């Protein structure tokens, strides 16, 4: 299934434009719409085995954005981090596909942190519980040896390398 590509196409409900997630081959064949209005999808990422897609379900005003997983063959999306009420954004699959790293924003909207959860939604936990800076937007290196993320200090935004197995 990894031969496919993403398509985020707009749908309109009244004056609101919503992005919809679809997949298909690069030559335009085998197209399949995966999400439908009123869902608003963003930031899709294939699982390493190509069986699922993690994406942000962008919320309407006053509601948290949720990371969801949807089968690449279609079906109902499910929450990547069940039970968590904070906003979630920017999921990144571990190279083996067994875990997701997630940016979580606290309810005040003032601080981002990195969390890890099993691909099955189990064992959600803070990745760096004592990290002193807001952290977000990470990706695993191609060989899986490091997790690269950004952190905001006082008047700075820095990239950090976290060796795998160090947390």
Foldseek 3Di string as FASTA:
>chain_A
DVQKDWDFDWDDDPPDIATWIWIDHPVPPPIDTADDPPWHWDDWDAQLVRQKIWIWRDDDPPAAIFIWIATNVHDDIDGQAPPDRFHWHAWEAQNVRQKIWIWTAPPVNPAIFIWMATSVNPDIDGPCVPDPFRKDHWYADPVRQWIWTWTDDVVDIDIDTDGPPPD
